[in-house]
Amino acid sequence: MFIHIGNDNVIRSRDVIAIVDYNLISSSTIMEEMMETAGKEKKLVGPTVDAKSVMITKEIIYYSTLSVSTLKKRASMISTISKLDDFSDELKEEAEEA
């Protein structure tokens, strides 16, 4: 499944490693170093202006103007949807029989 994280970016939910509040980056030297390294490697995407959160994936780090709670809700919806039973084939068969 995919998650729309704002700013015209859509990522695979299985690639998400962490969602971090943007303001927490400056409070951790490890996070600052990771962001600096990602920037040098051209693996940072999205606007730093108005960024509220950071989505860390396997390959790329995304800045998002959406809050951590909004992204978490979207990820939870994906999880819920993926757990639902798929009855589309059964409905198709019933329609063909009728």
C-alpha atoms as a PDB file:
ATOM      1  CA  MET A   1       0.000   0.000   0.000  1.00  0.00           C
ATOM      2  CA  PHE A   2       0.986   3.619  -0.378  1.00  0.00           C
ATOM      3  CA  ILE A   3       0.825   6.689   1.854  1.00  0.00           C
ATOM      4  CA  HIS A   4       0.424  10.230   0.542  1.00  0.00           C
ATOM      5  CA  ILE A   5       2.761  12.294   2.721  1.00  0.00           C
ATOM      6  CA  GLY A   6       2.008  15.684   1.195  1.00  0.00           C
ATOM      7  CA  ASN A   7       3.965  17.846  -1.219  1.00  0.00           C
ATOM      8  CA  ASP A   8       3.107  15.516  -4.126  1.00  0.00           C
ATOM      9  CA  ASN A   9       5.010  12.631  -2.520  1.00  0.00           C
ATOM     10  CA  VAL A  10       3.627   9.125  -2.199  1.00  0.00           C
ATOM     11  CA  ILE A  11       5.651   6.340  -0.618  1.00  0.00           C
ATOM     12  CA  ARG A  12       5.235   2.628   0.003  1.00  0.00           C
ATOM     13  CA  SER A  13       4.099   1.957   3.539  1.00  0.00           C
ATOM     14  CA  ARG A  14       6.421  -1.050   3.836  1.00  0.00           C
ATOM     15  CA  ASP A  15       9.450   1.213   3.203  1.00  0.00           C
ATOM     16  CA  VAL A  16       8.729   3.452   6.210  1.00  0.00           C
ATOM     17  CA  ILE A  17      11.252   3.137   9.003  1.00  0.00           C
ATOM     18  CA  ALA A  18      10.248   6.110  11.159  1.00  0.00           C
ATOM     19  CA  ILE A  19       8.165   9.276  11.287  1.00  0.00           C
ATOM     20  CA  VAL A  20       9.869  11.983  13.330  1.00  0.00           C
ATOM     21  CA  ASP A  21       8.763  15.436  14.410  1.00  0.00           C
ATOM     22  CA  TYR A  22      10.814  18.000  12.497  1.00  0.00           C
ATOM     23  CA  ASN A  23      11.611  19.951  15.679  1.00  0.00           C
ATOM     24  CA  LEU A  24      13.320  16.918  17.230  1.00  0.00           C
ATOM     25  CA  ILE A  25      16.050  16.810  14.590  1.00  0.00           C
ATOM     26  CA  SER A  26      17.984  19.681  16.120  1.00  0.00           C
ATOM     27  CA  SER A  27      17.832  18.088  19.578  1.00  0.00           C
ATOM     28  CA  SER A  28      19.822  15.034  18.484  1.00  0.00           C
ATOM     29  CA  THR A  29      23.341  15.130  17.091  1.00  0.00           C
ATOM     30  CA  ILE A  30      22.824  11.699  15.534  1.00  0.00           C
ATOM     31  CA  MET A  31      19.713  12.924  13.689  1.00  0.00           C
ATOM     32  CA  GLU A  32      21.544  16.071  12.565  1.00  0.00           C
ATOM     33  CA  GLU A  33      24.413  13.969  11.196  1.00  0.00           C
ATOM     34  CA  MET A  34      22.011  11.605   9.450  1.00  0.00           C
ATOM     35  CA  MET A  35      20.170  14.513   7.801  1.00  0.00           C
ATOM     36  CA  GLU A  36      23.446  16.153   6.782  1.00  0.00           C
ATOM     37  CA  THR A  37      24.722  12.914   5.229  1.00  0.00           C
ATOM     38  CA  ALA A  38      21.423  12.354   3.405  1.00  0.00           C
ATOM     39  CA  GLY A  39      21.617  15.894   2.055  1.00  0.00           C
ATOM     40  CA  LYS A  40      25.128  15.353   0.720  1.00  0.00           C
ATOM     41  CA  GLU A  41      24.007  12.109  -0.921  1.00  0.00           C
ATOM     42  CA  LYS A  42      20.981  13.892  -2.487  1.00  0.00           C
ATOM     43  CA  LYS A  43      18.590  11.657  -0.555  1.00  0.00           C
ATOM     44  CA  LEU A  44      16.518  14.450   1.018  1.00  0.00           C
ATOM     45  CA  VAL A  45      13.186  15.305  -0.615  1.00  0.00           C
ATOM     46  CA  GLY A  46      10.620  17.967   0.181  1.00  0.00           C
ATOM     47  CA  PRO A  47      10.551  21.522   1.490  1.00  0.00           C
ATOM     48  CA  THR A  48      12.390  22.410   4.677  1.00  0.00           C
ATOM     49  CA  VAL A  49      10.268  25.547   4.917  1.00  0.00           C
ATOM     50  CA  ASP A  50       7.048  24.739   6.791  1.00  0.00           C
ATOM     51  CA  ALA A  51       8.200  21.148   7.415  1.00  0.00           C
ATOM     52  CA  LYS A  52       6.442  19.567  10.387  1.00  0.00           C
ATOM     53  CA  SER A  53       7.722  16.031  10.138  1.00  0.00           C
ATOM     54  CA  VAL A  54      10.360  13.820   8.608  1.00  0.00           C
ATOM     55  CA  MET A  55       9.544  10.467   7.033  1.00  0.00           C
ATOM     56  CA  ILE A  56      12.531   8.133   7.026  1.00  0.00           C
ATOM     57  CA  THR A  57      12.392   5.320   4.481  1.00  0.00           C
ATOM     58  CA  LYS A  58      14.871   2.682   3.366  1.00  0.00           C
ATOM     59  CA  GLU A  59      16.307   4.858   0.595  1.00  0.00           C
ATOM     60  CA  ILE A  60      15.197   8.468   1.015  1.00  0.00           C
ATOM     61  CA  ILE A  61      14.311  10.923   3.775  1.00  0.00           C
ATOM     62  CA  TYR A  62      11.248  13.079   3.101  1.00  0.00           C
ATOM     63  CA  TYR A  63      10.333  16.398   4.675  1.00  0.00           C
ATOM     64  CA  SER A  64       6.574  16.747   5.026  1.00  0.00           C
ATOM     65  CA  THR A  65       4.349  19.693   5.798  1.00  0.00           C
ATOM     66  CA  LEU A  66       1.938  17.256   7.440  1.00  0.00           C
ATOM     67  CA  SER A  67       2.151  16.583  11.167  1.00  0.00           C
ATOM     68  CA  VAL A  68       3.354  13.321  12.664  1.00  0.00           C
ATOM     69  CA  SER A  69      -0.158  12.583  13.942  1.00  0.00           C
ATOM     70  CA  THR A  70      -1.684  13.066  10.466  1.00  0.00           C
ATOM     71  CA  LEU A  71       0.901  10.771   8.883  1.00  0.00           C
ATOM     72  CA  LYS A  72       0.365   8.226  11.641  1.00  0.00           C
ATOM     73  CA  LYS A  73      -3.396   8.254  10.994  1.00  0.00           C
ATOM     74  CA  ARG A  74      -2.814   7.745   7.277  1.00  0.00           C
ATOM     75  CA  ALA A  75      -0.450   4.861   7.959  1.00  0.00           C
ATOM     76  CA  SER A  76      -2.996   3.334  10.368  1.00  0.00           C
ATOM     77  CA  MET A  77      -5.720   3.590   7.748  1.00  0.00           C
ATOM     78  CA  ILE A  78      -3.487   1.702   5.315  1.00  0.00           C
ATOM     79  CA  SER A  79      -2.917  -0.970   7.947  1.00  0.00           C
ATOM     80  CA  THR A  80      -6.643  -1.270   8.623  1.00  0.00           C
ATOM     81  CA  ILE A  81      -7.523  -1.425   4.928  1.00  0.00           C
ATOM     82  CA  SER A  82      -4.943  -4.132   4.275  1.00  0.00           C
ATOM     83  CA  LYS A  83      -6.491  -6.287   7.031  1.00  0.00           C
ATOM     84  CA  LEU A  84      -9.967  -6.168   5.520  1.00  0.00           C
ATOM     85  CA  ASP A  85     -11.204  -9.210   3.662  1.00  0.00           C
ATOM     86  CA  ASP A  86     -11.374  -8.858  -0.111  1.00  0.00           C
ATOM     87  CA  PHE A  87     -14.763  -9.958  -1.410  1.00  0.00           C
ATOM     88  CA  SER A  88     -14.432  -8.408  -4.877  1.00  0.00           C
ATOM     89  CA  ASP A  89     -13.970 -11.782  -6.634  1.00  0.00           C
ATOM     90  CA  GLU A  90     -17.023 -13.230  -4.905  1.00  0.00           C
ATOM     91  CA  LEU A  91     -19.121 -10.216  -5.874  1.00  0.00           C
ATOM     92  CA  LYS A  92     -17.942 -10.527  -9.472  1.00  0.00           C
ATOM     93  CA  GLU A  93     -18.920 -14.209  -9.549  1.00  0.00           C
ATOM     94  CA  GLU A  94     -22.350 -13.438  -8.100  1.00  0.00           C
ATOM     95  CA  ALA A  95     -22.911 -10.729 -10.707  1.00  0.00           C
ATOM     96  CA  GLU A  96     -21.938 -13.113 -13.517  1.00  0.00           C
ATOM     97  CA  GLU A  97     -24.319 -15.800 -12.220  1.00  0.00           C
ATOM     98  CA  ALA A  98     -27.246 -13.362 -12.083  1.00  0.00           C
END
